[in-house]
Amino acid sequence: MEGGDSLKKSLALLHGVINGKIGHGLEAIVLQGLRVIHAEKGFMRFDFVVPNIVSDVDGNWHVGALATMLDLIGPVTTFSFANRVISTVDFNVSYYSTAKIQ
C-alpha cells in the first residue's frame, strides 16, 4: 500500500466503519465482508461478496445497500487523495441489471 498520512487516515476511517466503531450500524452491515485488496492515494480496490443480509425479497442486492456502499467508499477514496472531505465532480450510478447475493 502506497501513500501517506491521508491514506492511513482514510483506511483507519474505513476500518472503523466496517467494524462498527464509527458511523451507524447500517453502514457496518452494508460493508460486511468488504476487504481492501490494494490502496494508494486516490485509488482503492476491494474484494466483496454481497452478504445475504443486504438482499431484497427476490435475493438481489438491495439498491439502497449498493448506494450506501458507494456513499461510503467514494468519499473514503477521495479523502485518501485530498486529505479532506470534498465534493466529487460527478457521482452517477446506473443500474443495468440486478446483482444476486453471494
PDB file of N, CA and C in Angstrom:
ATOM      1  N   MET A   1       0.838  -1.167   0.000  1.00  0.00           N
ATOM      2  CA  MET A   1       0.000   0.000   0.000  1.00  0.00           C
ATOM      3  C   MET A   1       0.886   1.234   0.000  1.00  0.00           C
ATOM      4  N   GLU A   2       0.654   2.071  -0.967  1.00  0.00           N
ATOM      5  CA  GLU A   2       1.442   3.285  -1.103  1.00  0.00           C
ATOM      6  C   GLU A   2       0.626   4.476  -0.621  1.00  0.00           C
ATOM      7  N   GLY A   3       1.321   5.549  -0.286  1.00  0.00           N
ATOM      8  CA  GLY A   3       0.617   6.765   0.089  1.00  0.00           C
ATOM      9  C   GLY A   3       1.169   7.333   1.365  1.00  0.00           C
ATOM     10  N   GLY A   4       0.493   8.317   1.872  1.00  0.00           N
ATOM     11  CA  GLY A   4       0.976   8.995   3.059  1.00  0.00           C
ATOM     12  C   GLY A   4      -0.040   8.990   4.167  1.00  0.00           C
ATOM     13  N   ASP A   5       0.013  10.054   4.936  1.00  0.00           N
ATOM     14  CA  ASP A   5      -0.840  10.198   6.101  1.00  0.00           C
ATOM     15  C   ASP A   5      -2.325  10.197   5.732  1.00  0.00           C
ATOM     16  N   SER A   6      -2.680  10.838   4.631  1.00  0.00           N
ATOM     17  CA  SER A   6      -4.096  10.884   4.237  1.00  0.00           C
ATOM     18  C   SER A   6      -4.621   9.490   3.904  1.00  0.00           C
ATOM     19  N   LEU A   7      -3.804   8.664   3.315  1.00  0.00           N
ATOM     20  CA  LEU A   7      -4.212   7.293   3.010  1.00  0.00           C
ATOM     21  C   LEU A   7      -4.408   6.500   4.302  1.00  0.00           C
ATOM     22  N   LYS A   8      -3.502   6.663   5.251  1.00  0.00           N
ATOM     23  CA  LYS A   8      -3.632   5.960   6.525  1.00  0.00           C
ATOM     24  C   LYS A   8      -4.896   6.389   7.267  1.00  0.00           C
ATOM     25  N   LYS A   9      -5.179   7.680   7.273  1.00  0.00           N
ATOM     26  CA  LYS A   9      -6.395   8.188   7.917  1.00  0.00           C
ATOM     27  C   LYS A   9      -7.630   7.631   7.226  1.00  0.00           C
ATOM     28  N   SER A  10      -7.584   7.604   5.912  1.00  0.00           N
ATOM     29  CA  SER A  10      -8.706   7.116   5.125  1.00  0.00           C
ATOM     30  C   SER A  10      -8.990   5.644   5.417  1.00  0.00           C
ATOM     31  N   LEU A  11      -7.950   4.827   5.449  1.00  0.00           N
ATOM     32  CA  LEU A  11      -8.116   3.406   5.736  1.00  0.00           C
ATOM     33  C   LEU A  11      -8.562   3.171   7.174  1.00  0.00           C
ATOM     34  N   ALA A  12      -8.062   3.986   8.100  1.00  0.00           N
ATOM     35  CA  ALA A  12      -8.489   3.864   9.502  1.00  0.00           C
ATOM     36  C   ALA A  12      -9.976   4.184   9.625  1.00  0.00           C
ATOM     37  N   LEU A  13     -10.428   5.205   8.914  1.00  0.00           N
ATOM     38  CA  LEU A  13     -11.846   5.559   8.914  1.00  0.00           C
ATOM     39  C   LEU A  13     -12.688   4.421   8.342  1.00  0.00           C
ATOM     40  N   LEU A  14     -12.266   3.881   7.210  1.00  0.00           N
ATOM     41  CA  LEU A  14     -12.999   2.794   6.585  1.00  0.00           C
ATOM     42  C   LEU A  14     -13.082   1.576   7.505  1.00  0.00           C
ATOM     43  N   HIS A  15     -11.973   1.199   8.116  1.00  0.00           N
ATOM     44  CA  HIS A  15     -11.986   0.042   9.017  1.00  0.00           C
ATOM     45  C   HIS A  15     -12.828   0.320  10.262  1.00  0.00           C
ATOM     46  N   GLY A  16     -12.850   1.561  10.712  1.00  0.00           N
ATOM     47  CA  GLY A  16     -13.713   1.928  11.836  1.00  0.00           C
ATOM     48  C   GLY A  16     -15.178   1.749  11.508  1.00  0.00           C
ATOM     49  N   VAL A  17     -15.566   2.109  10.279  1.00  0.00           N
ATOM     50  CA  VAL A  17     -16.960   1.932   9.842  1.00  0.00           C
ATOM     51  C   VAL A  17     -17.272   0.443   9.684  1.00  0.00           C
ATOM     52  N   ILE A  18     -16.367  -0.292   9.052  1.00  0.00           N
ATOM     53  CA  ILE A  18     -16.580  -1.731   8.851  1.00  0.00           C
ATOM     54  C   ILE A  18     -16.753  -2.454  10.189  1.00  0.00           C
ATOM     55  N   ASN A  19     -15.985  -2.064  11.179  1.00  0.00           N
ATOM     56  CA  ASN A  19     -16.041  -2.708  12.495  1.00  0.00           C
ATOM     57  C   ASN A  19     -17.128  -2.147  13.392  1.00  0.00           C
ATOM     58  N   GLY A  20     -17.892  -1.165  12.918  1.00  0.00           N
ATOM     59  CA  GLY A  20     -18.997  -0.615  13.681  1.00  0.00           C
ATOM     60  C   GLY A  20     -18.588   0.362  14.767  1.00  0.00           C
ATOM     61  N   LYS A  21     -17.342   0.821  14.756  1.00  0.00           N
ATOM     62  CA  LYS A  21     -16.865   1.765  15.765  1.00  0.00           C
ATOM     63  C   LYS A  21     -17.171   3.213  15.378  1.00  0.00           C
ATOM     64  N   ILE A  22     -17.360   3.455  14.100  1.00  0.00           N
ATOM     65  CA  ILE A  22     -17.675   4.786  13.579  1.00  0.00           C
ATOM     66  C   ILE A  22     -18.941   4.667  12.741  1.00  0.00           C
ATOM     67  N   GLY A  23     -19.790   5.668  12.810  1.00  0.00           N
ATOM     68  CA  GLY A  23     -20.979   5.684  11.964  1.00  0.00           C
ATOM     69  C   GLY A  23     -22.155   4.974  12.593  1.00  0.00           C
ATOM     70  N   HIS A  24     -23.014   4.463  11.734  1.00  0.00           N
ATOM     71  CA  HIS A  24     -24.241   3.805  12.159  1.00  0.00           C
ATOM     72  C   HIS A  24     -24.138   2.312  11.897  1.00  0.00           C
ATOM     73  N   GLY A  25     -24.953   1.538  12.589  1.00  0.00           N
ATOM     74  CA  GLY A  25     -24.950   0.097  12.408  1.00  0.00           C
ATOM     75  C   GLY A  25     -25.261  -0.331  10.985  1.00  0.00           C
ATOM     76  N   LEU A  26     -26.098   0.446  10.299  1.00  0.00           N
ATOM     77  CA  LEU A  26     -26.457   0.136   8.914  1.00  0.00           C
ATOM     78  C   LEU A  26     -25.221   0.091   8.028  1.00  0.00           C
ATOM     79  N   GLU A  27     -24.317   1.017   8.228  1.00  0.00           N
ATOM     80  CA  GLU A  27     -23.108   1.073   7.409  1.00  0.00           C
ATOM     81  C   GLU A  27     -22.233  -0.160   7.628  1.00  0.00           C
ATOM     82  N   ALA A  28     -22.112  -0.605   8.860  1.00  0.00           N
ATOM     83  CA  ALA A  28     -21.327  -1.802   9.155  1.00  0.00           C
ATOM     84  C   ALA A  28     -21.956  -3.036   8.508  1.00  0.00           C
ATOM     85  N   ILE A  29     -23.287  -3.082   8.487  1.00  0.00           N
ATOM     86  CA  ILE A  29     -23.985  -4.208   7.856  1.00  0.00           C
ATOM     87  C   ILE A  29     -23.737  -4.213   6.354  1.00  0.00           C
ATOM     88  N   VAL A  30     -23.850  -3.048   5.728  1.00  0.00           N
ATOM     89  CA  VAL A  30     -23.674  -2.942   4.275  1.00  0.00           C
ATOM     90  C   VAL A  30     -22.250  -3.314   3.866  1.00  0.00           C
ATOM     91  N   LEU A  31     -21.255  -2.957   4.688  1.00  0.00           N
ATOM     92  CA  LEU A  31     -19.857  -3.217   4.353  1.00  0.00           C
ATOM     93  C   LEU A  31     -19.352  -4.562   4.877  1.00  0.00           C
ATOM     94  N   GLN A  32     -20.247  -5.368   5.438  1.00  0.00           N
ATOM     95  CA  GLN A  32     -19.869  -6.671   5.984  1.00  0.00           C
ATOM     96  C   GLN A  32     -19.140  -7.496   4.929  1.00  0.00           C
ATOM     97  N   GLY A  33     -17.924  -7.882   5.227  1.00  0.00           N
ATOM     98  CA  GLY A  33     -17.150  -8.711   4.307  1.00  0.00           C
ATOM     99  C   GLY A  33     -16.289  -7.945   3.322  1.00  0.00           C
ATOM    100  N   LEU A  34     -16.340  -6.612   3.340  1.00  0.00           N
ATOM    101  CA  LEU A  34     -15.509  -5.816   2.432  1.00  0.00           C
ATOM    102  C   LEU A  34     -14.048  -5.922   2.846  1.00  0.00           C
ATOM    103  N   ARG A  35     -13.170  -6.209   1.896  1.00  0.00           N
ATOM    104  CA  ARG A  35     -11.732  -6.292   2.159  1.00  0.00           C
ATOM    105  C   ARG A  35     -10.991  -5.386   1.189  1.00  0.00           C
ATOM    106  N   VAL A  36     -10.045  -4.640   1.698  1.00  0.00           N
ATOM    107  CA  VAL A  36      -9.200  -3.791   0.861  1.00  0.00           C
ATOM    108  C   VAL A  36      -8.112  -4.673   0.251  1.00  0.00           C
ATOM    109  N   ILE A  37      -8.060  -4.717  -1.069  1.00  0.00           N
ATOM    110  CA  ILE A  37      -7.059  -5.510  -1.780  1.00  0.00           C
ATOM    111  C   ILE A  37      -5.832  -4.665  -2.084  1.00  0.00           C
ATOM    112  N   HIS A  38      -6.055  -3.421  -2.516  1.00  0.00           N
ATOM    113  CA  HIS A  38      -4.970  -2.507  -2.860  1.00  0.00           C
ATOM    114  C   HIS A  38      -5.425  -1.094  -2.552  1.00  0.00           C
ATOM    115  N   ALA A  39      -4.539  -0.293  -1.994  1.00  0.00           N
ATOM    116  CA  ALA A  39      -4.884   1.099  -1.705  1.00  0.00           C
ATOM    117  C   ALA A  39      -3.682   1.989  -1.943  1.00  0.00           C
ATOM    118  N   GLU A  40      -3.917   3.072  -2.641  1.00  0.00           N
ATOM    119  CA  GLU A  40      -2.930   4.128  -2.802  1.00  0.00           C
ATOM    120  C   GLU A  40      -3.704   5.434  -2.879  1.00  0.00           C
ATOM    121  N   LYS A  41      -3.000   6.542  -2.863  1.00  0.00           N
ATOM    122  CA  LYS A  41      -3.687   7.829  -2.886  1.00  0.00           C
ATOM    123  C   LYS A  41      -4.600   7.920  -4.105  1.00  0.00           C
ATOM    124  N   GLY A  42      -5.899   8.097  -3.865  1.00  0.00           N
ATOM    125  CA  GLY A  42      -6.862   8.286  -4.941  1.00  0.00           C
ATOM    126  C   GLY A  42      -7.345   7.020  -5.614  1.00  0.00           C
ATOM    127  N   PHE A  43      -6.908   5.852  -5.156  1.00  0.00           N
ATOM    128  CA  PHE A  43      -7.323   4.599  -5.792  1.00  0.00           C
ATOM    129  C   PHE A  43      -7.402   3.499  -4.744  1.00  0.00           C
ATOM    130  N   MET A  44      -8.507   2.785  -4.743  1.00  0.00           N
ATOM    131  CA  MET A  44      -8.655   1.631  -3.862  1.00  0.00           C
ATOM    132  C   MET A  44      -9.350   0.510  -4.609  1.00  0.00           C
ATOM    133  N   ARG A  45      -8.903  -0.713  -4.346  1.00  0.00           N
ATOM    134  CA  ARG A  45      -9.528  -1.901  -4.933  1.00  0.00           C
ATOM    135  C   ARG A  45      -9.976  -2.778  -3.773  1.00  0.00           C
ATOM    136  N   PHE A  46     -11.195  -3.313  -3.904  1.00  0.00           N
ATOM    137  CA  PHE A  46     -11.798  -4.086  -2.829  1.00  0.00           C
ATOM    138  C   PHE A  46     -12.207  -5.464  -3.317  1.00  0.00           C
ATOM    139  N   ASP A  47     -12.330  -6.382  -2.377  1.00  0.00           N
ATOM    140  CA  ASP A  47     -12.924  -7.690  -2.606  1.00  0.00           C
ATOM    141  C   ASP A  47     -14.207  -7.697  -1.780  1.00  0.00           C
ATOM    142  N   PHE A  48     -15.313  -8.103  -2.410  1.00  0.00           N
ATOM    143  CA  PHE A  48     -16.589  -8.053  -1.714  1.00  0.00           C
ATOM    144  C   PHE A  48     -17.532  -9.094  -2.291  1.00  0.00           C
ATOM    145  N   VAL A  49     -18.129  -9.871  -1.407  1.00  0.00           N
ATOM    146  CA  VAL A  49     -19.201 -10.795  -1.767  1.00  0.00           C
ATOM    147  C   VAL A  49     -20.453 -10.260  -1.095  1.00  0.00           C
ATOM    148  N   VAL A  50     -21.506 -10.066  -1.865  1.00  0.00           N
ATOM    149  CA  VAL A  50     -22.739  -9.481  -1.340  1.00  0.00           C
ATOM    150  C   VAL A  50     -23.342 -10.420  -0.293  1.00  0.00           C
ATOM    151  N   PRO A  51     -23.432  -9.953   0.966  1.00  0.00           N
ATOM    152  CA  PRO A  51     -23.962 -10.819   2.016  1.00  0.00           C
ATOM    153  C   PRO A  51     -25.483 -10.959   1.947  1.00  0.00           C
ATOM    154  N   ASN A  52     -25.985 -12.030   2.487  1.00  0.00           N
ATOM    155  CA  ASN A  52     -27.426 -12.294   2.490  1.00  0.00           C
ATOM    156  C   ASN A  52     -28.223 -11.177   3.156  1.00  0.00           C
ATOM    157  N   ILE A  53     -27.655 -10.568   4.160  1.00  0.00           N
ATOM    158  CA  ILE A  53     -28.391  -9.590   4.965  1.00  0.00           C
ATOM    159  C   ILE A  53     -28.785  -8.334   4.172  1.00  0.00           C
ATOM    160  N   VAL A  54     -28.143  -8.069   3.051  1.00  0.00           N
ATOM    161  CA  VAL A  54     -28.465  -6.865   2.265  1.00  0.00           C
ATOM    162  C   VAL A  54     -29.272  -7.195   1.000  1.00  0.00           C
ATOM    163  N   SER A  55     -30.001  -8.302   1.051  1.00  0.00           N
ATOM    164  CA  SER A  55     -30.794  -8.686  -0.120  1.00  0.00           C
ATOM    165  C   SER A  55     -32.219  -8.149  -0.027  1.00  0.00           C
ATOM    166  N   ASP A  56     -32.845  -8.046  -1.190  1.00  0.00           N
ATOM    167  CA  ASP A  56     -34.266  -7.722  -1.217  1.00  0.00           C
ATOM    168  C   ASP A  56     -35.045  -9.041  -1.163  1.00  0.00           C
ATOM    169  N   VAL A  57     -36.360  -8.985  -1.311  1.00  0.00           N
ATOM    170  CA  VAL A  57     -37.191 -10.188  -1.194  1.00  0.00           C
ATOM    171  C   VAL A  57     -36.914 -11.214  -2.291  1.00  0.00           C
ATOM    172  N   ASP A  58     -36.314 -10.788  -3.413  1.00  0.00           N
ATOM    173  CA  ASP A  58     -36.028 -11.686  -4.525  1.00  0.00           C
ATOM    174  C   ASP A  58     -34.611 -12.248  -4.506  1.00  0.00           C
ATOM    175  N   GLY A  59     -33.831 -11.923  -3.453  1.00  0.00           N
ATOM    176  CA  GLY A  59     -32.460 -12.420  -3.375  1.00  0.00           C
ATOM    177  C   GLY A  59     -31.467 -11.594  -4.149  1.00  0.00           C
ATOM    178  N   ASN A  60     -31.835 -10.374  -4.497  1.00  0.00           N
ATOM    179  CA  ASN A  60     -30.944  -9.460  -5.202  1.00  0.00           C
ATOM    180  C   ASN A  60     -30.309  -8.501  -4.202  1.00  0.00           C
ATOM    181  N   TRP A  61     -29.159  -7.946  -4.582  1.00  0.00           N
ATOM    182  CA  TRP A  61     -28.519  -6.926  -3.771  1.00  0.00           C
ATOM    183  C   TRP A  61     -29.425  -5.711  -3.766  1.00  0.00           C
ATOM    184  N   HIS A  62     -29.887  -5.315  -2.606  1.00  0.00           N
ATOM    185  CA  HIS A  62     -30.808  -4.185  -2.489  1.00  0.00           C
ATOM    186  C   HIS A  62     -30.107  -2.926  -2.994  1.00  0.00           C
ATOM    187  N   VAL A  63     -30.772  -2.179  -3.880  1.00  0.00           N
ATOM    188  CA  VAL A  63     -30.137  -0.999  -4.490  1.00  0.00           C
ATOM    189  C   VAL A  63     -29.789   0.049  -3.438  1.00  0.00           C
ATOM    190  N   GLY A  64     -30.533   0.113  -2.354  1.00  0.00           N
ATOM    191  CA  GLY A  64     -30.204   1.042  -1.277  1.00  0.00           C
ATOM    192  C   GLY A  64     -28.899   0.666  -0.594  1.00  0.00           C
ATOM    193  N   ALA A  65     -28.652  -0.632  -0.449  1.00  0.00           N
ATOM    194  CA  ALA A  65     -27.400  -1.097   0.148  1.00  0.00           C
ATOM    195  C   ALA A  65     -26.226  -0.789  -0.778  1.00  0.00           C
ATOM    196  N   LEU A  66     -26.437  -0.957  -2.080  1.00  0.00           N
ATOM    197  CA  LEU A  66     -25.395  -0.619  -3.050  1.00  0.00           C
ATOM    198  C   LEU A  66     -25.086   0.874  -3.001  1.00  0.00           C
ATOM    199  N   ALA A  67     -26.119   1.705  -2.963  1.00  0.00           N
ATOM    200  CA  ALA A  67     -25.920   3.148  -2.897  1.00  0.00           C
ATOM    201  C   ALA A  67     -25.206   3.553  -1.606  1.00  0.00           C
ATOM    202  N   THR A  68     -25.552   2.898  -0.501  1.00  0.00           N
ATOM    203  CA  THR A  68     -24.884   3.188   0.767  1.00  0.00           C
ATOM    204  C   THR A  68     -23.408   2.850   0.689  1.00  0.00           C
ATOM    205  N   MET A  69     -23.087   1.719   0.076  1.00  0.00           N
ATOM    206  CA  MET A  69     -21.680   1.337  -0.070  1.00  0.00           C
ATOM    207  C   MET A  69     -20.924   2.382  -0.890  1.00  0.00           C
ATOM    208  N   LEU A  70     -21.514   2.808  -1.999  1.00  0.00           N
ATOM    209  CA  LEU A  70     -20.856   3.809  -2.830  1.00  0.00           C
ATOM    210  C   LEU A  70     -20.705   5.134  -2.097  1.00  0.00           C
ATOM    211  N   ASP A  71     -21.704   5.488  -1.289  1.00  0.00           N
ATOM    212  CA  ASP A  71     -21.634   6.713  -0.493  1.00  0.00           C
ATOM    213  C   ASP A  71     -20.518   6.653   0.542  1.00  0.00           C
ATOM    214  N   LEU A  72     -20.110   5.468   0.918  1.00  0.00           N
ATOM    215  CA  LEU A  72     -19.047   5.311   1.911  1.00  0.00           C
ATOM    216  C   LEU A  72     -17.666   5.197   1.281  1.00  0.00           C
ATOM    217  N   ILE A  73     -17.514   4.336   0.287  1.00  0.00           N
ATOM    218  CA  ILE A  73     -16.174   4.116  -0.253  1.00  0.00           C
ATOM    219  C   ILE A  73     -15.729   5.225  -1.198  1.00  0.00           C
ATOM    220  N   GLY A  74     -16.664   5.926  -1.813  1.00  0.00           N
ATOM    221  CA  GLY A  74     -16.292   7.058  -2.667  1.00  0.00           C
ATOM    222  C   GLY A  74     -15.586   8.151  -1.890  1.00  0.00           C
ATOM    223  N   PRO A  75     -16.205   8.685  -0.846  1.00  0.00           N
ATOM    224  CA  PRO A  75     -15.535   9.728  -0.062  1.00  0.00           C
ATOM    225  C   PRO A  75     -14.260   9.252   0.646  1.00  0.00           C
ATOM    226  N   VAL A  76     -14.218   7.990   1.070  1.00  0.00           N
ATOM    227  CA  VAL A  76     -13.006   7.467   1.708  1.00  0.00           C
ATOM    228  C   VAL A  76     -11.851   7.489   0.707  1.00  0.00           C
ATOM    229  N   THR A  77     -12.125   7.095  -0.521  1.00  0.00           N
ATOM    230  CA  THR A  77     -11.100   7.108  -1.563  1.00  0.00           C
ATOM    231  C   THR A  77     -10.683   8.538  -1.879  1.00  0.00           C
ATOM    232  N   THR A  78     -11.648   9.444  -1.976  1.00  0.00           N
ATOM    233  CA  THR A  78     -11.340  10.852  -2.232  1.00  0.00           C
ATOM    234  C   THR A  78     -10.497  11.435  -1.101  1.00  0.00           C
ATOM    235  N   PHE A  79     -10.838  11.108   0.148  1.00  0.00           N
ATOM    236  CA  PHE A  79     -10.078  11.591   1.300  1.00  0.00           C
ATOM    237  C   PHE A  79      -8.630  11.109   1.234  1.00  0.00           C
ATOM    238  N   SER A  80      -8.418   9.901   0.730  1.00  0.00           N
ATOM    239  CA  SER A  80      -7.055   9.361   0.645  1.00  0.00           C
ATOM    240  C   SER A  80      -6.168  10.206  -0.254  1.00  0.00           C
ATOM    241  N   PHE A  81      -6.762  10.929  -1.164  1.00  0.00           N
ATOM    242  CA  PHE A  81      -6.020  11.786  -2.085  1.00  0.00           C
ATOM    243  C   PHE A  81      -5.952  13.227  -1.597  1.00  0.00           C
ATOM    244  N   ALA A  82      -7.094  13.758  -1.146  1.00  0.00           N
ATOM    245  CA  ALA A  82      -7.194  15.179  -0.830  1.00  0.00           C
ATOM    246  C   ALA A  82      -6.934  15.511   0.634  1.00  0.00           C
ATOM    247  N   ASN A  83      -6.955  14.511   1.513  1.00  0.00           N
ATOM    248  CA  ASN A  83      -6.777  14.692   2.947  1.00  0.00           C
ATOM    249  C   ASN A  83      -7.845  15.605   3.562  1.00  0.00           C
ATOM    250  N   ARG A  84      -8.975  15.647   2.940  1.00  0.00           N
ATOM    251  CA  ARG A  84     -10.136  16.389   3.446  1.00  0.00           C
ATOM    252  C   ARG A  84     -11.371  15.892   2.716  1.00  0.00           C
ATOM    253  N   VAL A  85     -12.515  16.174   3.301  1.00  0.00           N
ATOM    254  CA  VAL A  85     -13.772  15.784   2.685  1.00  0.00           C
ATOM    255  C   VAL A  85     -14.150  16.865   1.680  1.00  0.00           C
ATOM    256  N   ILE A  86     -14.269  16.468   0.424  1.00  0.00           N
ATOM    257  CA  ILE A  86     -14.650  17.395  -0.639  1.00  0.00           C
ATOM    258  C   ILE A  86     -15.706  16.747  -1.522  1.00  0.00           C
ATOM    259  N   SER A  87     -16.371  17.555  -2.299  1.00  0.00           N
ATOM    260  CA  SER A  87     -17.354  17.035  -3.247  1.00  0.00           C
ATOM    261  C   SER A  87     -16.640  16.536  -4.490  1.00  0.00           C
ATOM    262  N   THR A  88     -17.138  15.455  -5.037  1.00  0.00           N
ATOM    263  CA  THR A  88     -16.599  14.972  -6.302  1.00  0.00           C
ATOM    264  C   THR A  88     -17.340  15.652  -7.434  1.00  0.00           C
ATOM    265  N   VAL A  89     -16.769  15.641  -8.608  1.00  0.00           N
ATOM    266  CA  VAL A  89     -17.347  16.345  -9.749  1.00  0.00           C
ATOM    267  C   VAL A  89     -18.644  15.704 -10.206  1.00  0.00           C
ATOM    268  N   ASP A  90     -18.654  14.375 -10.334  1.00  0.00           N
ATOM    269  CA  ASP A  90     -19.830  13.682 -10.847  1.00  0.00           C
ATOM    270  C   ASP A  90     -19.963  12.352 -10.121  1.00  0.00           C
ATOM    271  N   PHE A  91     -21.155  12.087  -9.676  1.00  0.00           N
ATOM    272  CA  PHE A  91     -21.426  10.823  -8.991  1.00  0.00           C
ATOM    273  C   PHE A  91     -22.715  10.291  -9.576  1.00  0.00           C
ATOM    274  N   ASN A  92     -22.600   9.294 -10.436  1.00  0.00           N
ATOM    275  CA  ASN A  92     -23.748   8.786 -11.156  1.00  0.00           C
ATOM    276  C   ASN A  92     -23.735   7.262 -11.104  1.00  0.00           C
ATOM    277  N   VAL A  93     -24.872   6.688 -10.775  1.00  0.00           N
ATOM    278  CA  VAL A  93     -24.990   5.235 -10.732  1.00  0.00           C
ATOM    279  C   VAL A  93     -26.103   4.825 -11.679  1.00  0.00           C
ATOM    280  N   SER A  94     -25.798   3.875 -12.544  1.00  0.00           N
ATOM    281  CA  SER A  94     -26.798   3.308 -13.436  1.00  0.00           C
ATOM    282  C   SER A  94     -26.963   1.837 -13.097  1.00  0.00           C
ATOM    283  N   TYR A  95     -28.187   1.406 -12.932  1.00  0.00           N
ATOM    284  CA  TYR A  95     -28.467   0.014 -12.625  1.00  0.00           C
ATOM    285  C   TYR A  95     -28.954  -0.662 -13.899  1.00  0.00           C
ATOM    286  N   TYR A  96     -28.073  -1.428 -14.539  1.00  0.00           N
ATOM    287  CA  TYR A  96     -28.440  -2.116 -15.760  1.00  0.00           C
ATOM    288  C   TYR A  96     -29.143  -3.443 -15.487  1.00  0.00           C
ATOM    289  N   SER A  97     -28.740  -4.085 -14.408  1.00  0.00           N
ATOM    290  CA  SER A  97     -29.398  -5.330 -14.023  1.00  0.00           C
ATOM    291  C   SER A  97     -29.148  -5.547 -12.532  1.00  0.00           C
ATOM    292  N   THR A  98     -29.827  -6.511 -11.978  1.00  0.00           N
ATOM    293  CA  THR A  98     -29.689  -6.775 -10.555  1.00  0.00           C
ATOM    294  C   THR A  98     -28.460  -7.639 -10.283  1.00  0.00           C
ATOM    295  N   ALA A  99     -27.916  -7.510  -9.099  1.00  0.00           N
ATOM    296  CA  ALA A  99     -26.817  -8.367  -8.658  1.00  0.00           C
ATOM    297  C   ALA A  99     -27.364  -9.310  -7.596  1.00  0.00           C
ATOM    298  N   LYS A 100     -27.075 -10.567  -7.744  1.00  0.00           N
ATOM    299  CA  LYS A 100     -27.528 -11.568  -6.782  1.00  0.00           C
ATOM    300  C   LYS A 100     -26.618 -11.584  -5.565  1.00  0.00           C
ATOM    301  N   ILE A 101     -27.176 -11.963  -4.433  1.00  0.00           N
ATOM    302  CA  ILE A 101     -26.370 -12.127  -3.235  1.00  0.00           C
ATOM    303  C   ILE A 101     -25.472 -13.326  -3.394  1.00  0.00           C
ATOM    304  N   GLN A 102     -24.377 -13.336  -2.647  1.00  0.00           N
ATOM    305  CA  GLN A 102     -23.374 -14.399  -2.657  1.00  0.00           C
ATOM    306  C   GLN A 102     -22.774 -14.565  -4.037  1.00  0.00           C
TER     307      GLN A 102
END
